Protein backbone atom coordinates (compact mmCIF):
# COMPACT_ATOMS: atom_id res chain seq x y z
CA UNK A 1 45.19 88.04 72.88
CA UNK A 2 42.23 86.74 70.93
CA UNK A 3 41.82 83.51 72.89
CA UNK A 4 41.52 85.14 76.27
CA UNK A 5 38.20 86.88 75.56
CA UNK A 6 36.46 84.11 73.66
CA UNK A 7 35.12 80.93 75.26
CA UNK A 8 36.19 77.63 73.84
CA UNK A 9 33.63 76.14 71.41
CA UNK A 10 31.39 73.57 73.06
CA UNK A 11 29.25 71.09 71.12
CA UNK A 12 25.71 70.98 72.49
CA UNK A 13 24.43 68.02 70.58
CA UNK A 14 25.24 65.18 72.96
CA UNK A 15 26.03 67.01 76.19
CA UNK A 16 23.95 67.28 79.31
CA UNK A 17 23.79 70.65 81.11
CA UNK A 18 26.17 69.36 83.80
CA UNK A 19 28.55 68.09 81.24
CA UNK A 20 28.36 71.39 79.40
CA UNK A 21 29.21 73.31 82.59
CA UNK A 22 32.14 71.00 83.21
CA UNK A 23 33.32 71.42 79.64
CA UNK A 24 33.07 75.21 79.91
CA UNK A 25 34.83 75.16 83.26
CA UNK A 26 37.58 72.95 81.82
CA UNK A 27 37.93 75.21 78.78
CA UNK A 28 38.05 78.26 81.03
CA UNK A 29 40.69 76.60 83.18
CA UNK A 30 42.77 75.78 80.12
CA UNK A 31 42.47 79.37 78.87
CA UNK A 32 43.36 80.73 82.29
CA UNK A 33 46.34 78.39 82.47
CA UNK A 34 47.47 79.45 78.98
CA UNK A 35 47.12 83.10 79.92
CA UNK A 36 49.02 82.50 83.15
CA UNK A 37 51.81 80.69 81.32
CA UNK A 38 51.97 83.40 78.69
CA UNK A 39 52.25 86.13 81.32
CA UNK A 40 54.52 83.97 83.42
CA UNK A 41 56.97 83.61 80.53
CA UNK A 42 56.95 87.38 80.02
CA UNK A 43 57.38 87.92 83.73
CA UNK A 44 60.19 85.36 83.83
CA UNK A 45 61.97 87.16 81.02
CA UNK A 46 61.95 90.34 83.05
CA UNK A 47 63.38 88.51 86.03
CA UNK A 48 65.97 86.52 84.13
CA UNK A 49 69.43 86.49 85.61
CA UNK A 50 72.67 86.79 83.73
CA UNK A 51 76.22 87.96 84.06
CA UNK A 52 77.38 91.46 83.31
CA UNK A 53 81.10 92.13 83.16
CA UNK A 54 82.09 95.48 84.64
CA UNK A 55 85.61 96.87 84.44
CA UNK A 56 87.41 99.94 85.63
CA UNK A 57 90.79 101.49 85.08
CA UNK A 58 92.67 103.03 87.97
CA UNK A 59 94.95 105.89 86.99
CA UNK A 60 98.57 105.08 87.81
CA UNK A 61 100.26 107.46 90.19
CA UNK A 62 103.62 107.94 91.86
CA UNK A 63 104.22 110.45 94.64
CA UNK A 64 107.36 111.36 96.51
CA UNK A 65 108.39 113.10 99.70
CA UNK A 66 111.99 114.27 99.49
CA UNK A 67 114.44 115.80 101.87
CA UNK A 68 117.51 117.24 100.15
CA UNK A 69 120.46 119.27 101.44
CA UNK A 70 120.06 123.01 101.00
CA UNK A 71 123.66 123.67 100.00
CA UNK A 72 126.53 122.04 98.17
CA UNK A 73 130.00 122.76 99.53
CA UNK A 74 133.12 122.24 97.42
CA UNK A 75 136.39 122.46 99.37
CA UNK A 76 139.94 122.91 98.09
CA UNK A 77 140.57 119.25 98.99
CA UNK A 78 137.56 118.26 96.80
CA UNK A 79 138.89 120.18 93.80
CA UNK A 80 142.28 118.48 94.19
CA UNK A 81 140.63 115.01 94.34
CA UNK A 82 138.34 115.86 91.41
CA UNK A 83 135.08 114.86 93.11
CA UNK A 84 132.74 115.58 96.03
CA UNK A 85 131.16 112.74 97.98
CA UNK A 86 127.85 113.52 99.66
CA UNK A 87 127.64 112.96 102.56
CA UNK A 88 131.09 114.01 103.72
CA UNK A 89 132.50 116.27 106.45
CA UNK A 90 131.26 119.40 104.64
CA UNK A 91 128.02 117.99 103.16
CA UNK A 92 126.53 116.03 106.04
CA UNK A 93 123.54 114.35 104.39
CA UNK A 94 122.40 113.08 101.04
CA UNK A 95 118.76 112.84 99.96
CA UNK A 96 115.96 111.02 101.80
CA UNK A 97 113.10 109.84 99.57
CA UNK A 98 109.79 108.11 100.27
CA UNK A 99 108.07 107.03 97.04
CA UNK A 100 104.48 105.74 96.98
CA UNK A 101 102.94 104.27 93.85
CA UNK A 102 100.20 101.99 92.60
CA UNK A 103 101.89 101.38 89.24
CA UNK A 104 102.88 97.70 88.99
CA UNK A 105 105.05 98.70 86.02
CA UNK A 106 107.27 100.68 88.40
CA UNK A 107 108.25 104.33 88.34
CA UNK A 108 110.98 106.68 87.15
CA UNK A 109 113.08 109.11 89.13
CA UNK A 110 114.16 112.11 87.10
CA UNK A 111 117.31 113.80 88.42
CA UNK A 112 117.48 117.38 87.15
CA UNK A 113 120.64 119.46 87.56
CA UNK A 114 120.23 123.23 87.83
CA UNK A 115 121.42 124.74 84.52
CA UNK A 116 123.83 127.13 86.27
CA UNK A 117 125.55 124.13 87.94
CA UNK A 118 125.81 121.76 84.97
CA UNK A 119 129.15 123.23 83.91
CA UNK A 120 130.67 122.22 87.29
CA UNK A 121 130.29 118.47 86.76
CA UNK A 122 131.53 115.73 84.50
CA UNK A 123 129.10 113.18 85.95
CA UNK A 124 127.02 112.35 89.02
CA UNK A 125 126.98 108.89 90.60
CA UNK A 126 123.83 108.12 92.59
CA UNK A 127 123.84 105.26 95.12
CA UNK A 128 121.12 103.90 97.39
CA UNK A 129 118.55 102.85 94.78
CA UNK A 130 119.53 99.19 95.02
CA UNK A 131 122.30 99.81 92.49
CA UNK A 132 124.58 102.70 91.60
CA UNK A 133 123.91 104.72 88.47
CA UNK A 134 126.14 107.25 86.77
CA UNK A 135 124.34 110.21 85.22
CA UNK A 136 125.71 112.93 82.92
CA UNK A 137 126.25 116.47 84.23
CA UNK A 138 122.73 117.39 83.07
CA UNK A 139 121.10 114.63 85.13
CA UNK A 140 118.96 111.79 83.85
CA UNK A 141 116.19 109.28 84.42
CA UNK A 142 116.38 106.09 86.49
CA UNK A 143 113.65 103.46 86.04
CA UNK A 144 112.82 101.41 89.12
CA UNK A 145 110.63 98.29 89.31
CA UNK A 146 107.58 98.07 91.54
CA UNK A 147 108.47 96.32 94.79
CA UNK A 148 105.95 97.75 97.26
CA UNK A 149 103.36 100.50 97.51
CA UNK A 150 105.85 102.60 99.52
CA UNK A 151 109.66 102.62 99.30
CA UNK A 152 112.21 104.61 101.28
CA UNK A 153 115.66 105.51 99.95
CA UNK A 154 118.73 107.15 101.44
CA UNK A 155 120.74 108.47 98.52
CA UNK A 156 124.44 109.26 98.45
CA UNK A 157 126.29 110.96 95.63
CA UNK A 158 129.67 111.34 94.01
CA UNK A 159 129.83 114.51 91.94
CA UNK A 160 132.81 114.27 89.56
CA UNK A 161 134.08 117.81 89.06
CA UNK A 162 135.47 119.53 85.98
CA UNK A 163 139.19 120.39 86.24
CA UNK A 164 139.02 124.17 86.61
CA UNK A 165 136.37 124.42 89.30
CA UNK A 166 136.84 126.70 92.30
CA UNK A 167 135.84 125.84 95.81
CA UNK A 168 132.83 127.51 97.39
CA UNK A 169 129.32 127.10 98.77
CA UNK A 170 126.53 126.69 96.24
CA UNK A 171 122.82 125.93 96.21
CA UNK A 172 121.99 122.21 96.15
CA UNK A 173 122.26 121.28 92.44
CA UNK A 174 119.72 118.45 92.16
CA UNK A 175 115.95 118.34 91.91
CA UNK A 176 114.31 114.90 91.90
CA UNK A 177 110.89 114.25 90.33
CA UNK A 178 108.96 110.96 90.26
CA UNK A 179 106.70 109.67 87.45
CA UNK A 180 104.73 106.41 87.10
CA UNK A 181 105.91 104.21 84.23
């Protein structure tokens, strides 16, 4: 700055030496104060506080642990009735699921039927999800709302059979996959 290196003008005509020193001292003090305020404002600007909004997005996930039967048994009695309930005396357990998710929009369970087994069924009723749903022989998707970070389900089934099916022991026909909504 120009003012910092130059002394303030002092008139010598009517001033005594003491008065002149006081005037110079006062002028120097004023310049020092101006310099201090100038630097103080700059310093204050560097130390100014404000608000900064920071956001983040957490990737939605849904995970599942599943325990399914390993086989599907169709008896002669089942073919006569036209359906197989699971569990029953031949198929002792249904599916046990534990689903964990952070998606407040809920999640979807995709029931996939093995292609080789699709011709055996007319439909598949799934119970134990809070409501019963009827899926086509190819399977389907069930959307569930978020209710907690972890949910456990014990699923039971009614497989409605086609008319000309033969009894026998087969591989378990369903695969269940979970997806966040």
